[in-house]
Each structure stands twice: as C-alpha cells, then as structure tokens.
C-alpha cells in the first residue's frame, strides 16, 4: 500500500476538484477518470476506487491524502 498526497496549487484547490470529479462520475465517468488520471497521475484502478468511495480520503490543509 502507498500513501498518496494530492497537493493543491496556486490555480487548483485539490479537495474541490476531487469532490467535483466524484459528483460528475455518475454522469460522465470518462471525464472524471481523465481528471484524476491525467491531472493527478493516478492509475485507473485507484481513480475508480477514489471516485466510487471505495477509498476514503482525508483533507489535510489544502491536500487530499489517502492510502491505496
């Protein structure tokens, strides 16, 4: 298992991006998956688990942290 830390940038607040991707997953799964895979360089299996809630995450400051 690895611990992932998805940090925010000056332009993007990562916790909001993850929430938006989760909300859109039911309507446009390809868009949500591409956001996490291309934007955060996550493997597809981890992106799917994060979007479906199989992987829980915590917000630490402006970062999203989870273990997978």
PDB file of N, CA and C in Angstrom:
ATOM      1  N   UNK A   1       0.828  -1.180   0.000  1.00  0.00           N
ATOM      2  CA  UNK A   1       0.000   0.000   0.000  1.00  0.00           C
ATOM      3  C   UNK A   1       0.874   1.245   0.000  1.00  0.00           C
ATOM      4  N   UNK A   2       0.405   2.261  -0.706  1.00  0.00           N
ATOM      5  CA  UNK A   2       1.092   3.542  -0.765  1.00  0.00           C
ATOM      6  C   UNK A   2       0.181   4.635  -0.226  1.00  0.00           C
ATOM      7  N   UNK A   3       0.792   5.633   0.379  1.00  0.00           N
ATOM      8  CA  UNK A   3       0.041   6.815   0.788  1.00  0.00           C
ATOM      9  C   UNK A   3       0.236   7.878  -0.283  1.00  0.00           C
ATOM     10  N   UNK A   4      -0.875   8.406  -0.768  1.00  0.00           N
ATOM     11  CA  UNK A   4      -0.865   9.435  -1.805  1.00  0.00           C
ATOM     12  C   UNK A   4      -1.226  10.767  -1.179  1.00  0.00           C
ATOM     13  N   UNK A   5      -0.557  11.801  -1.630  1.00  0.00           N
ATOM     14  CA  UNK A   5      -0.847  13.172  -1.188  1.00  0.00           C
ATOM     15  C   UNK A   5      -1.009  14.012  -2.447  1.00  0.00           C
ATOM     16  N   UNK A   6      -2.246  14.416  -2.722  1.00  0.00           N
ATOM     17  CA  UNK A   6      -2.541  15.224  -3.888  1.00  0.00           C
ATOM     18  C   UNK A   6      -2.614  16.678  -3.440  1.00  0.00           C
ATOM     19  N   UNK A   7      -1.585  17.428  -3.745  1.00  0.00           N
ATOM     20  CA  UNK A   7      -1.474  18.802  -3.279  1.00  0.00           C
ATOM     21  C   UNK A   7      -2.225  19.779  -4.170  1.00  0.00           C
ATOM     22  N   UNK A   8      -2.679  20.843  -3.576  1.00  0.00           N
ATOM     23  CA  UNK A   8      -3.281  21.938  -4.325  1.00  0.00           C
ATOM     24  C   UNK A   8      -2.164  22.784  -4.923  1.00  0.00           C
ATOM     25  N   UNK A   9      -2.545  23.605  -5.885  1.00  0.00           N
ATOM     26  CA  UNK A   9      -1.607  24.549  -6.473  1.00  0.00           C
ATOM     27  C   UNK A   9      -2.186  25.944  -6.335  1.00  0.00           C
ATOM     28  N   UNK A  10      -1.476  26.891  -6.864  1.00  0.00           N
ATOM     29  CA  UNK A  10      -1.955  28.272  -6.859  1.00  0.00           C
ATOM     30  C   UNK A  10      -3.272  28.399  -7.624  1.00  0.00           C
ATOM     31  N   UNK A  11      -3.474  27.538  -8.621  1.00  0.00           N
ATOM     32  CA  UNK A  11      -4.645  27.618  -9.501  1.00  0.00           C
ATOM     33  C   UNK A  11      -5.736  26.618  -9.179  1.00  0.00           C
ATOM     34  N   UNK A  12      -5.400  25.538  -8.488  1.00  0.00           N
ATOM     35  CA  UNK A  12      -6.365  24.456  -8.281  1.00  0.00           C
ATOM     36  C   UNK A  12      -6.395  24.048  -6.813  1.00  0.00           C
ATOM     37  N   UNK A  13      -7.602  24.052  -6.236  1.00  0.00           N
ATOM     38  CA  UNK A  13      -7.802  23.563  -4.872  1.00  0.00           C
ATOM     39  C   UNK A  13      -8.222  22.106  -4.982  1.00  0.00           C
ATOM     40  N   UNK A  14      -7.300  21.204  -4.700  1.00  0.00           N
ATOM     41  CA  UNK A  14      -7.496  19.773  -4.934  1.00  0.00           C
ATOM     42  C   UNK A  14      -8.721  19.186  -4.233  1.00  0.00           C
ATOM     43  N   UNK A  15      -9.005  19.492  -2.979  1.00  0.00           N
ATOM     44  CA  UNK A  15     -10.209  18.905  -2.377  1.00  0.00           C
ATOM     45  C   UNK A  15     -11.480  19.198  -3.181  1.00  0.00           C
ATOM     46  N   UNK A  16     -11.604  20.397  -3.712  1.00  0.00           N
ATOM     47  CA  UNK A  16     -12.777  20.728  -4.537  1.00  0.00           C
ATOM     48  C   UNK A  16     -12.768  19.966  -5.854  1.00  0.00           C
ATOM     49  N   UNK A  17     -11.604  19.787  -6.434  1.00  0.00           N
ATOM     50  CA  UNK A  17     -11.511  19.049  -7.700  1.00  0.00           C
ATOM     51  C   UNK A  17     -11.923  17.586  -7.501  1.00  0.00           C
ATOM     52  N   UNK A  18     -11.511  16.992  -6.409  1.00  0.00           N
ATOM     53  CA  UNK A  18     -11.873  15.597  -6.132  1.00  0.00           C
ATOM     54  C   UNK A  18     -13.385  15.501  -5.915  1.00  0.00           C
ATOM     55  N   UNK A  19     -13.944  16.423  -5.147  1.00  0.00           N
ATOM     56  CA  UNK A  19     -15.396  16.414  -4.926  1.00  0.00           C
ATOM     57  C   UNK A  19     -16.157  16.598  -6.238  1.00  0.00           C
ATOM     58  N   UNK A  20     -15.701  17.502  -7.088  1.00  0.00           N
ATOM     59  CA  UNK A  20     -16.356  17.723  -8.371  1.00  0.00           C
ATOM     60  C   UNK A  20     -16.281  16.458  -9.232  1.00  0.00           C
ATOM     61  N   UNK A  21     -15.131  15.825  -9.260  1.00  0.00           N
ATOM     62  CA  UNK A  21     -14.978  14.597 -10.047  1.00  0.00           C
ATOM     63  C   UNK A  21     -15.905  13.497  -9.528  1.00  0.00           C
ATOM     64  N   UNK A  22     -16.033  13.385  -8.194  1.00  0.00           N
ATOM     65  CA  UNK A  22     -16.937  12.380  -7.618  1.00  0.00           C
ATOM     66  C   UNK A  22     -18.385  12.665  -7.998  1.00  0.00           C
ATOM     67  N   UNK A  23     -18.787  13.931  -7.966  1.00  0.00           N
ATOM     68  CA  UNK A  23     -20.158  14.297  -8.301  1.00  0.00           C
ATOM     69  C   UNK A  23     -20.471  14.058  -9.776  1.00  0.00           C
ATOM     70  N   UNK A  24     -19.498  14.249 -10.644  1.00  0.00           N
ATOM     71  CA  UNK A  24     -19.711  14.091 -12.085  1.00  0.00           C
ATOM     72  C   UNK A  24     -19.546  12.649 -12.563  1.00  0.00           C
ATOM     73  N   UNK A  25     -18.994  11.802 -11.716  1.00  0.00           N
ATOM     74  CA  UNK A  25     -18.687  10.424 -12.120  1.00  0.00           C
ATOM     75  C   UNK A  25     -19.908   9.676 -12.644  1.00  0.00           C
ATOM     76  N   UNK A  26     -21.061   9.877 -12.030  1.00  0.00           N
ATOM     77  CA  UNK A  26     -22.279   9.195 -12.471  1.00  0.00           C
ATOM     78  C   UNK A  26     -22.780   9.678 -13.818  1.00  0.00           C
ATOM     79  N   UNK A  27     -22.466  10.915 -14.170  1.00  0.00           N
ATOM     80  CA  UNK A  27     -22.923  11.495 -15.433  1.00  0.00           C
ATOM     81  C   UNK A  27     -21.904  11.341 -16.555  1.00  0.00           C
ATOM     82  N   UNK A  28     -20.627  11.486 -16.206  1.00  0.00           N
ATOM     83  CA  UNK A  28     -19.565  11.441 -17.210  1.00  0.00           C
ATOM     84  C   UNK A  28     -18.320  10.790 -16.613  1.00  0.00           C
ATOM     85  N   UNK A  29     -18.347   9.468 -16.476  1.00  0.00           N
ATOM     86  CA  UNK A  29     -17.225   8.792 -15.824  1.00  0.00           C
ATOM     87  C   UNK A  29     -15.895   9.002 -16.547  1.00  0.00           C
ATOM     88  N   UNK A  30     -15.933   9.093 -17.858  1.00  0.00           N
ATOM     89  CA  UNK A  30     -14.683   9.282 -18.613  1.00  0.00           C
ATOM     90  C   UNK A  30     -14.023  10.607 -18.221  1.00  0.00           C
ATOM     91  N   UNK A  31     -14.840  11.669 -18.111  1.00  0.00           N
ATOM     92  CA  UNK A  31     -14.298  12.972 -17.728  1.00  0.00           C
ATOM     93  C   UNK A  31     -13.676  12.903 -16.331  1.00  0.00           C
ATOM     94  N   UNK A  32     -14.388  12.297 -15.393  1.00  0.00           N
ATOM     95  CA  UNK A  32     -13.888  12.201 -14.021  1.00  0.00           C
ATOM     96  C   UNK A  32     -12.601  11.383 -13.953  1.00  0.00           C
ATOM     97  N   UNK A  33     -12.589  10.267 -14.655  1.00  0.00           N
ATOM     98  CA  UNK A  33     -11.384   9.431 -14.656  1.00  0.00           C
ATOM     99  C   UNK A  33     -10.211  10.166 -15.285  1.00  0.00           C
ATOM    100  N   UNK A  34     -10.456  10.851 -16.404  1.00  0.00           N
ATOM    101  CA  UNK A  34      -9.370  11.595 -17.048  1.00  0.00           C
ATOM    102  C   UNK A  34      -8.826  12.686 -16.132  1.00  0.00           C
ATOM    103  N   UNK A  35      -9.705  13.341 -15.398  1.00  0.00           N
ATOM    104  CA  UNK A  35      -9.255  14.384 -14.475  1.00  0.00           C
ATOM    105  C   UNK A  35      -8.264  13.811 -13.461  1.00  0.00           C
ATOM    106  N   UNK A  36      -8.599  12.674 -12.883  1.00  0.00           N
ATOM    107  CA  UNK A  36      -7.722  12.091 -11.861  1.00  0.00           C
ATOM    108  C   UNK A  36      -6.499  11.406 -12.452  1.00  0.00           C
ATOM    109  N   UNK A  37      -6.682  10.731 -13.576  1.00  0.00           N
ATOM    110  CA  UNK A  37      -5.543  10.016 -14.172  1.00  0.00           C
ATOM    111  C   UNK A  37      -4.556  10.977 -14.832  1.00  0.00           C
ATOM    112  N   UNK A  38      -5.060  11.939 -15.591  1.00  0.00           N
ATOM    113  CA  UNK A  38      -4.170  12.867 -16.284  1.00  0.00           C
ATOM    114  C   UNK A  38      -3.719  14.011 -15.374  1.00  0.00           C
ATOM    115  N   UNK A  39      -4.642  14.527 -14.590  1.00  0.00           N
ATOM    116  CA  UNK A  39      -4.319  15.671 -13.747  1.00  0.00           C
ATOM    117  C   UNK A  39      -3.485  15.337 -12.523  1.00  0.00           C
ATOM    118  N   UNK A  40      -3.712  14.148 -11.974  1.00  0.00           N
ATOM    119  CA  UNK A  40      -3.001  13.767 -10.747  1.00  0.00           C
ATOM    120  C   UNK A  40      -2.136  12.522 -10.934  1.00  0.00           C
ATOM    121  N   UNK A  41      -2.060  12.032 -12.162  1.00  0.00           N
ATOM    122  CA  UNK A  41      -1.202  10.891 -12.497  1.00  0.00           C
ATOM    123  C   UNK A  41      -1.521   9.640 -11.663  1.00  0.00           C
ATOM    124  N   UNK A  42      -2.816   9.388 -11.466  1.00  0.00           N
ATOM    125  CA  UNK A  42      -3.235   8.204 -10.715  1.00  0.00           C
ATOM    126  C   UNK A  42      -3.529   7.052 -11.667  1.00  0.00           C
ATOM    127  N   UNK A  43      -3.228   5.814 -11.260  1.00  0.00           N
ATOM    128  CA  UNK A  43      -3.632   4.654 -12.054  1.00  0.00           C
ATOM    129  C   UNK A  43      -5.160   4.560 -12.098  1.00  0.00           C
ATOM    130  N   UNK A  44      -5.686   3.980 -13.150  1.00  0.00           N
ATOM    131  CA  UNK A  44      -7.139   3.897 -13.326  1.00  0.00           C
ATOM    132  C   UNK A  44      -7.815   3.203 -12.155  1.00  0.00           C
ATOM    133  N   UNK A  45      -7.257   2.106 -11.667  1.00  0.00           N
ATOM    134  CA  UNK A  45      -7.900   1.363 -10.576  1.00  0.00           C
ATOM    135  C   UNK A  45      -8.031   2.222  -9.319  1.00  0.00           C
ATOM    136  N   UNK A  46      -7.033   3.011  -9.020  1.00  0.00           N
ATOM    137  CA  UNK A  46      -7.095   3.873  -7.838  1.00  0.00           C
ATOM    138  C   UNK A  46      -8.069   5.023  -8.082  1.00  0.00           C
ATOM    139  N   UNK A  47      -8.070   5.570  -9.286  1.00  0.00           N
ATOM    140  CA  UNK A  47      -9.009   6.652  -9.609  1.00  0.00           C
ATOM    141  C   UNK A  47     -10.452   6.173  -9.463  1.00  0.00           C
ATOM    142  N   UNK A  48     -10.755   4.987  -9.970  1.00  0.00           N
ATOM    143  CA  UNK A  48     -12.113   4.431  -9.867  1.00  0.00           C
ATOM    144  C   UNK A  48     -12.485   4.242  -8.396  1.00  0.00           C
ATOM    145  N   UNK A  49     -11.595   3.666  -7.621  1.00  0.00           N
ATOM    146  CA  UNK A  49     -11.878   3.431  -6.199  1.00  0.00           C
ATOM    147  C   UNK A  49     -12.068   4.740  -5.430  1.00  0.00           C
ATOM    148  N   UNK A  50     -11.319   5.764  -5.787  1.00  0.00           N
ATOM    149  CA  UNK A  50     -11.474   7.060  -5.143  1.00  0.00           C
ATOM    150  C   UNK A  50     -12.812   7.688  -5.514  1.00  0.00           C
ATOM    151  N   UNK A  51     -13.185   7.591  -6.782  1.00  0.00           N
ATOM    152  CA  UNK A  51     -14.435   8.189  -7.261  1.00  0.00           C
ATOM    153  C   UNK A  51     -15.678   7.469  -6.742  1.00  0.00           C
ATOM    154  N   UNK A  52     -15.582   6.177  -6.526  1.00  0.00           N
ATOM    155  CA  UNK A  52     -16.733   5.410  -6.057  1.00  0.00           C
ATOM    156  C   UNK A  52     -16.823   5.353  -4.533  1.00  0.00           C
ATOM    157  N   UNK A  53     -15.839   5.904  -3.853  1.00  0.00           N
ATOM    158  CA  UNK A  53     -15.860   5.907  -2.398  1.00  0.00           C
ATOM    159  C   UNK A  53     -15.256   4.670  -1.769  1.00  0.00           C
ATOM    160  N   UNK A  54     -14.738   3.769  -2.573  1.00  0.00           N
ATOM    161  CA  UNK A  54     -14.100   2.567  -2.027  1.00  0.00           C
ATOM    162  C   UNK A  54     -12.839   2.944  -1.242  1.00  0.00           C
ATOM    163  N   UNK A  55     -12.186   4.000  -1.696  1.00  0.00           N
ATOM    164  CA  UNK A  55     -11.035   4.538  -0.972  1.00  0.00           C
ATOM    165  C   UNK A  55     -11.492   5.813  -0.280  1.00  0.00           C
ATOM    166  N   UNK A  56     -11.325   5.843   1.016  1.00  0.00           N
ATOM    167  CA  UNK A  56     -11.640   7.053   1.781  1.00  0.00           C
ATOM    168  C   UNK A  56     -10.432   7.984   1.747  1.00  0.00           C
ATOM    169  N   UNK A  57     -10.705   9.279   1.818  1.00  0.00           N
ATOM    170  CA  UNK A  57      -9.603  10.231   1.828  1.00  0.00           C
ATOM    171  C   UNK A  57      -9.822  11.253   2.934  1.00  0.00           C
ATOM    172  N   UNK A  58      -8.728  11.880   3.310  1.00  0.00           N
ATOM    173  CA  UNK A  58      -8.767  12.948   4.309  1.00  0.00           C
ATOM    174  C   UNK A  58      -8.259  14.227   3.656  1.00  0.00           C
ATOM    175  N   UNK A  59      -8.739  15.339   4.162  1.00  0.00           N
ATOM    176  CA  UNK A  59      -8.243  16.631   3.700  1.00  0.00           C
ATOM    177  C   UNK A  59      -7.314  17.160   4.781  1.00  0.00           C
ATOM    178  N   UNK A  60      -6.073  17.390   4.391  1.00  0.00           N
ATOM    179  CA  UNK A  60      -5.063  17.929   5.308  1.00  0.00           C
ATOM    180  C   UNK A  60      -4.599  19.263   4.744  1.00  0.00           C
ATOM    181  N   UNK A  61      -5.083  20.332   5.326  1.00  0.00           N
ATOM    182  CA  UNK A  61      -4.759  21.645   4.797  1.00  0.00           C
ATOM    183  C   UNK A  61      -5.405  21.812   3.427  1.00  0.00           C
ATOM    184  N   UNK A  62      -4.579  21.932   2.393  1.00  0.00           N
ATOM    185  CA  UNK A  62      -5.080  22.061   1.029  1.00  0.00           C
ATOM    186  C   UNK A  62      -4.778  20.817   0.204  1.00  0.00           C
ATOM    187  N   UNK A  63      -4.490  19.702   0.860  1.00  0.00           N
ATOM    188  CA  UNK A  63      -4.158  18.458   0.169  1.00  0.00           C
ATOM    189  C   UNK A  63      -5.182  17.372   0.472  1.00  0.00           C
ATOM    190  N   UNK A  64      -5.285  16.435  -0.457  1.00  0.00           N
ATOM    191  CA  UNK A  64      -6.106  15.236  -0.274  1.00  0.00           C
ATOM    192  C   UNK A  64      -5.144  14.079  -0.039  1.00  0.00           C
ATOM    193  N   UNK A  65      -5.354  13.334   1.038  1.00  0.00           N
ATOM    194  CA  UNK A  65      -4.450  12.252   1.411  1.00  0.00           C
ATOM    195  C   UNK A  65      -5.248  10.969   1.560  1.00  0.00           C
ATOM    196  N   UNK A  66      -4.714   9.890   0.974  1.00  0.00           N
ATOM    197  CA  UNK A  66      -5.349   8.574   1.094  1.00  0.00           C
ATOM    198  C   UNK A  66      -4.310   7.485   0.913  1.00  0.00           C
ATOM    199  N   UNK A  67      -4.668   6.292   1.342  1.00  0.00           N
ATOM    200  CA  UNK A  67      -3.801   5.123   1.209  1.00  0.00           C
ATOM    201  C   UNK A  67      -4.495   4.097   0.334  1.00  0.00           C
ATOM    202  N   UNK A  68      -3.732   3.577  -0.617  1.00  0.00           N
ATOM    203  CA  UNK A  68      -4.279   2.550  -1.533  1.00  0.00           C
ATOM    204  C   UNK A  68      -3.209   1.532  -1.852  1.00  0.00           C
TER     205      UNK A  68
END
